[in-house]
Amino acid sequence: VSGGAYGGFSDFDSHSGMFSYLSYRDPNLMKTVANYDGTVDFLKSLDIEGEELTKSIIGTMGDLDAYQLPDAKGYTALMRHLLKVKDDERQQRREEVLGTTQKDFRAFGETLEAARGPEAKVVAVCSPEAAAAAQKEAPELEFKVTSVM
């Protein structure tokens, strides 16, 4: 992790419709924001087939049906109950993942492009120094700094 974030990922909440990019312990805030902004063009021009596509599908299936310890199973069951997530919905999602093609990656890029705009927000929990540097580097993002401690 020399010189970079400890981790990064994206998340889609199918119940709220919110899509998020996240990184943590990231010393390169604006570089990471630029990478996330580049996702649309990357996906729209992506050539992914064969083994690479299969690995992506397997990784996603592993996330959908990951092994859970009993406490996590209980929490997951509670959330599915509260959100009224049915088994047939979960099975449909599995089938959609298993049927993913290059065309789906490109369509996702189009969807992300349609979603970014004035409503899209950049939010960072960071040091005051990192916030000041981000404001200086990208004033167009109009960062609002809020101290939480």
C-alpha atoms as a PDB file:
ATOM      1  CA  VAL A   1       0.000   0.000   0.000  1.00  0.00           C
ATOM      2  CA  SER A   2       3.002   2.228  -0.456  1.00  0.00           C
ATOM      3  CA  GLY A   3       1.814   5.698  -1.470  1.00  0.00           C
ATOM      4  CA  GLY A   4      -1.816   4.755  -2.029  1.00  0.00           C
ATOM      5  CA  ALA A   5      -5.104   4.062  -0.325  1.00  0.00           C
ATOM      6  CA  TYR A   6      -5.507   1.043   1.921  1.00  0.00           C
ATOM      7  CA  GLY A   7      -8.472   0.033  -0.184  1.00  0.00           C
ATOM      8  CA  GLY A   8     -11.122   1.201  -2.553  1.00  0.00           C
ATOM      9  CA  PHE A   9     -14.400  -0.123  -3.842  1.00  0.00           C
ATOM     10  CA  SER A  10     -17.801   0.832  -5.151  1.00  0.00           C
ATOM     11  CA  ASP A  11     -21.213   0.023  -3.788  1.00  0.00           C
ATOM     12  CA  PHE A  12     -24.746   0.094  -5.141  1.00  0.00           C
ATOM     13  CA  ASP A  13     -27.679   0.066  -2.747  1.00  0.00           C
ATOM     14  CA  SER A  14     -30.567  -1.347  -4.760  1.00  0.00           C
ATOM     15  CA  HIS A  15     -33.066  -0.144  -2.155  1.00  0.00           C
ATOM     16  CA  SER A  16     -32.080   3.534  -2.145  1.00  0.00           C
ATOM     17  CA  GLY A  17     -30.636   3.659  -5.657  1.00  0.00           C
ATOM     18  CA  MET A  18     -27.420   5.207  -4.333  1.00  0.00           C
ATOM     19  CA  PHE A  19     -24.159   4.327  -6.052  1.00  0.00           C
ATOM     20  CA  SER A  20     -20.966   5.184  -4.190  1.00  0.00           C
ATOM     21  CA  TYR A  21     -17.248   5.008  -4.772  1.00  0.00           C
ATOM     22  CA  LEU A  22     -15.207   4.686  -1.599  1.00  0.00           C
ATOM     23  CA  SER A  23     -11.576   4.622  -0.622  1.00  0.00           C
ATOM     24  CA  TYR A  24     -10.066   4.656   2.815  1.00  0.00           C
ATOM     25  CA  ARG A  25      -6.877   5.974   4.330  1.00  0.00           C
ATOM     26  CA  ASP A  26      -6.279   7.593   0.955  1.00  0.00           C
ATOM     27  CA  PRO A  27      -3.420  10.113   0.729  1.00  0.00           C
ATOM     28  CA  ASN A  28      -4.318  11.024  -2.877  1.00  0.00           C
ATOM     29  CA  LEU A  29      -7.817  12.458  -2.583  1.00  0.00           C
ATOM     30  CA  MET A  30      -8.046  14.359  -5.862  1.00  0.00           C
ATOM     31  CA  LYS A  31      -6.204  11.680  -7.844  1.00  0.00           C
ATOM     32  CA  THR A  32      -8.732   9.156  -6.563  1.00  0.00           C
ATOM     33  CA  VAL A  33     -11.661  11.445  -7.453  1.00  0.00           C
ATOM     34  CA  ALA A  34     -10.194  11.780 -10.959  1.00  0.00           C
ATOM     35  CA  ASN A  35      -9.923   7.979 -11.223  1.00  0.00           C
ATOM     36  CA  TYR A  36     -13.545   7.595 -10.155  1.00  0.00           C
ATOM     37  CA  ASP A  37     -14.576  10.266 -12.677  1.00  0.00           C
ATOM     38  CA  GLY A  38     -12.767   8.255 -15.359  1.00  0.00           C
ATOM     39  CA  THR A  39     -14.942   5.203 -14.741  1.00  0.00           C
ATOM     40  CA  VAL A  40     -17.530   6.201 -17.344  1.00  0.00           C
ATOM     41  CA  ASP A  41     -15.051   6.382 -20.221  1.00  0.00           C
ATOM     42  CA  PHE A  42     -13.267   3.253 -18.995  1.00  0.00           C
ATOM     43  CA  LEU A  43     -16.462   1.179 -18.936  1.00  0.00           C
ATOM     44  CA  LYS A  44     -17.779   2.517 -22.229  1.00  0.00           C
ATOM     45  CA  SER A  45     -14.587   1.453 -23.997  1.00  0.00           C
ATOM     46  CA  LEU A  46     -13.890  -1.723 -22.020  1.00  0.00           C
ATOM     47  CA  ASP A  47     -12.999  -4.886 -23.892  1.00  0.00           C
ATOM     48  CA  ILE A  48     -13.571  -7.745 -21.464  1.00  0.00           C
ATOM     49  CA  GLU A  49     -14.089 -11.319 -22.574  1.00  0.00           C
ATOM     50  CA  GLY A  50     -13.148 -14.877 -21.797  1.00  0.00           C
ATOM     51  CA  GLU A  51     -11.178 -15.564 -18.660  1.00  0.00           C
ATOM     52  CA  GLU A  52     -11.179 -11.933 -17.483  1.00  0.00           C
ATOM     53  CA  LEU A  53     -14.981 -11.736 -17.725  1.00  0.00           C
ATOM     54  CA  THR A  54     -15.329 -15.118 -16.005  1.00  0.00           C
ATOM     55  CA  LYS A  55     -13.101 -13.987 -13.123  1.00  0.00           C
ATOM     56  CA  SER A  56     -15.203 -10.835 -12.717  1.00  0.00           C
ATOM     57  CA  ILE A  57     -18.397 -12.873 -12.593  1.00  0.00           C
ATOM     58  CA  ILE A  58     -16.925 -15.356 -10.104  1.00  0.00           C
ATOM     59  CA  GLY A  59     -15.718 -12.510  -7.877  1.00  0.00           C
ATOM     60  CA  THR A  60     -19.146 -10.907  -7.893  1.00  0.00           C
ATOM     61  CA  MET A  61     -20.863 -14.215  -7.144  1.00  0.00           C
ATOM     62  CA  GLY A  62     -18.451 -14.656  -4.244  1.00  0.00           C
ATOM     63  CA  ASP A  63     -19.619 -11.309  -2.875  1.00  0.00           C
ATOM     64  CA  LEU A  64     -23.300 -12.174  -3.340  1.00  0.00           C
ATOM     65  CA  ASP A  65     -23.040 -15.571  -1.673  1.00  0.00           C
ATOM     66  CA  ALA A  66     -20.122 -15.064   0.678  1.00  0.00           C
ATOM     67  CA  TYR A  67     -19.607 -17.346   3.661  1.00  0.00           C
ATOM     68  CA  GLN A  68     -20.897 -15.751   6.857  1.00  0.00           C
ATOM     69  CA  LEU A  69     -20.407 -16.500  10.517  1.00  0.00           C
ATOM     70  CA  PRO A  70     -23.622 -16.979  12.531  1.00  0.00           C
ATOM     71  CA  ASP A  71     -23.830 -13.378  13.755  1.00  0.00           C
ATOM     72  CA  ALA A  72     -23.453 -12.009  10.218  1.00  0.00           C
ATOM     73  CA  LYS A  73     -26.039 -14.526   8.946  1.00  0.00           C
ATOM     74  CA  GLY A  74     -28.476 -13.269  11.558  1.00  0.00           C
ATOM     75  CA  TYR A  75     -27.881  -9.635  10.654  1.00  0.00           C
ATOM     76  CA  THR A  76     -28.233 -10.389   6.943  1.00  0.00           C
ATOM     77  CA  ALA A  77     -31.493 -12.261   7.551  1.00  0.00           C
ATOM     78  CA  LEU A  78     -32.813  -9.357   9.650  1.00  0.00           C
ATOM     79  CA  MET A  79     -31.955  -6.809   6.942  1.00  0.00           C
ATOM     80  CA  ARG A  80     -33.529  -8.935   4.212  1.00  0.00           C
ATOM     81  CA  HIS A  81     -36.670  -9.260   6.336  1.00  0.00           C
ATOM     82  CA  LEU A  82     -36.855  -5.515   7.087  1.00  0.00           C
ATOM     83  CA  LEU A  83     -36.215  -4.580   3.451  1.00  0.00           C
ATOM     84  CA  LYS A  84     -38.612  -7.290   2.215  1.00  0.00           C
ATOM     85  CA  VAL A  85     -35.973  -8.894  -0.002  1.00  0.00           C
ATOM     86  CA  LYS A  86     -37.420 -12.111  -1.402  1.00  0.00           C
ATOM     87  CA  ASP A  87     -35.482 -15.227  -2.396  1.00  0.00           C
ATOM     88  CA  ASP A  88     -36.691 -14.932  -6.003  1.00  0.00           C
ATOM     89  CA  GLU A  89     -35.208 -11.401  -6.195  1.00  0.00           C
ATOM     90  CA  ARG A  90     -31.878 -12.714  -4.956  1.00  0.00           C
ATOM     91  CA  GLN A  91     -31.996 -15.556  -7.483  1.00  0.00           C
ATOM     92  CA  GLN A  92     -32.796 -13.100 -10.277  1.00  0.00           C
ATOM     93  CA  ARG A  93     -29.760 -11.036  -9.319  1.00  0.00           C
ATOM     94  CA  ARG A  94     -27.572 -14.173  -9.390  1.00  0.00           C
ATOM     95  CA  GLU A  95     -28.849 -15.058 -12.852  1.00  0.00           C
ATOM     96  CA  GLU A  96     -28.227 -11.518 -14.082  1.00  0.00           C
ATOM     97  CA  VAL A  97     -24.658 -11.637 -12.784  1.00  0.00           C
ATOM     98  CA  LEU A  98     -24.058 -15.052 -14.335  1.00  0.00           C
ATOM     99  CA  GLY A  99     -25.331 -13.729 -17.672  1.00  0.00           C
ATOM    100  CA  THR A 100     -23.155 -10.597 -17.662  1.00  0.00           C
ATOM    101  CA  THR A 101     -21.477  -9.665 -20.945  1.00  0.00           C
ATOM    102  CA  GLN A 102     -19.168  -6.930 -22.178  1.00  0.00           C
ATOM    103  CA  LYS A 103     -22.297  -5.119 -23.377  1.00  0.00           C
ATOM    104  CA  ASP A 104     -23.498  -4.882 -19.753  1.00  0.00           C
ATOM    105  CA  PHE A 105     -20.268  -3.178 -18.654  1.00  0.00           C
ATOM    106  CA  ARG A 106     -20.692  -0.622 -21.422  1.00  0.00           C
ATOM    107  CA  ALA A 107     -24.361  -0.091 -20.568  1.00  0.00           C
ATOM    108  CA  PHE A 108     -23.336   0.479 -16.948  1.00  0.00           C
ATOM    109  CA  GLY A 109     -20.907   3.153 -18.152  1.00  0.00           C
ATOM    110  CA  GLU A 110     -23.804   4.842 -19.969  1.00  0.00           C
ATOM    111  CA  THR A 111     -25.927   4.662 -16.806  1.00  0.00           C
ATOM    112  CA  LEU A 112     -23.164   6.205 -14.705  1.00  0.00           C
ATOM    113  CA  GLU A 113     -22.728   8.957 -17.283  1.00  0.00           C
ATOM    114  CA  ALA A 114     -26.440   9.785 -17.107  1.00  0.00           C
ATOM    115  CA  ALA A 115     -26.285   9.848 -13.292  1.00  0.00           C
ATOM    116  CA  ARG A 116     -23.326  12.173 -12.869  1.00  0.00           C
ATOM    117  CA  GLY A 117     -24.124  15.815 -12.907  1.00  0.00           C
ATOM    118  CA  PRO A 118     -25.134  18.587 -10.534  1.00  0.00           C
ATOM    119  CA  GLU A 119     -26.653  16.114  -8.064  1.00  0.00           C
ATOM    120  CA  ALA A 120     -23.461  14.044  -7.811  1.00  0.00           C
ATOM    121  CA  LYS A 121     -21.444  14.788  -4.696  1.00  0.00           C
ATOM    122  CA  VAL A 122     -17.874  14.306  -3.549  1.00  0.00           C
ATOM    123  CA  VAL A 123     -17.660  13.709   0.192  1.00  0.00           C
ATOM    124  CA  ALA A 124     -14.411  13.048   2.014  1.00  0.00           C
ATOM    125  CA  VAL A 125     -13.593  12.429   5.642  1.00  0.00           C
ATOM    126  CA  CYS A 126     -10.042  13.699   5.837  1.00  0.00           C
ATOM    127  CA  SER A 127      -7.607  15.904   7.695  1.00  0.00           C
ATOM    128  CA  PRO A 128      -7.996  19.699   7.537  1.00  0.00           C
ATOM    129  CA  GLU A 129      -4.769  19.782   5.512  1.00  0.00           C
ATOM    130  CA  ALA A 130      -6.097  17.335   2.924  1.00  0.00           C
ATOM    131  CA  ALA A 131      -9.358  19.295   2.697  1.00  0.00           C
ATOM    132  CA  ALA A 132      -7.466  22.548   2.117  1.00  0.00           C
ATOM    133  CA  ALA A 133      -5.308  20.932  -0.563  1.00  0.00           C
ATOM    134  CA  ALA A 134      -8.410  19.515  -2.304  1.00  0.00           C
ATOM    135  CA  GLN A 135     -10.137  22.896  -2.230  1.00  0.00           C
ATOM    136  CA  LYS A 136      -7.067  24.516  -3.752  1.00  0.00           C
ATOM    137  CA  GLU A 137      -6.644  21.826  -6.412  1.00  0.00           C
ATOM    138  CA  ALA A 138     -10.323  21.613  -7.422  1.00  0.00           C
ATOM    139  CA  PRO A 139     -12.238  24.756  -6.435  1.00  0.00           C
ATOM    140  CA  GLU A 140     -14.981  23.845  -8.928  1.00  0.00           C
ATOM    141  CA  LEU A 141     -16.080  21.044  -6.597  1.00  0.00           C
ATOM    142  CA  GLU A 142     -17.026  23.678  -4.012  1.00  0.00           C
ATOM    143  CA  PHE A 143     -16.016  21.570  -1.027  1.00  0.00           C
ATOM    144  CA  LYS A 144     -17.735  22.517   2.199  1.00  0.00           C
ATOM    145  CA  VAL A 145     -15.517  21.718   5.170  1.00  0.00           C
ATOM    146  CA  THR A 146     -17.253  20.506   8.318  1.00  0.00           C
ATOM    147  CA  SER A 147     -15.274  19.708  11.422  1.00  0.00           C
ATOM    148  CA  VAL A 148     -16.606  16.615  13.181  1.00  0.00           C
ATOM    149  CA  MET A 149     -14.140  16.500  16.055  1.00  0.00           C
END
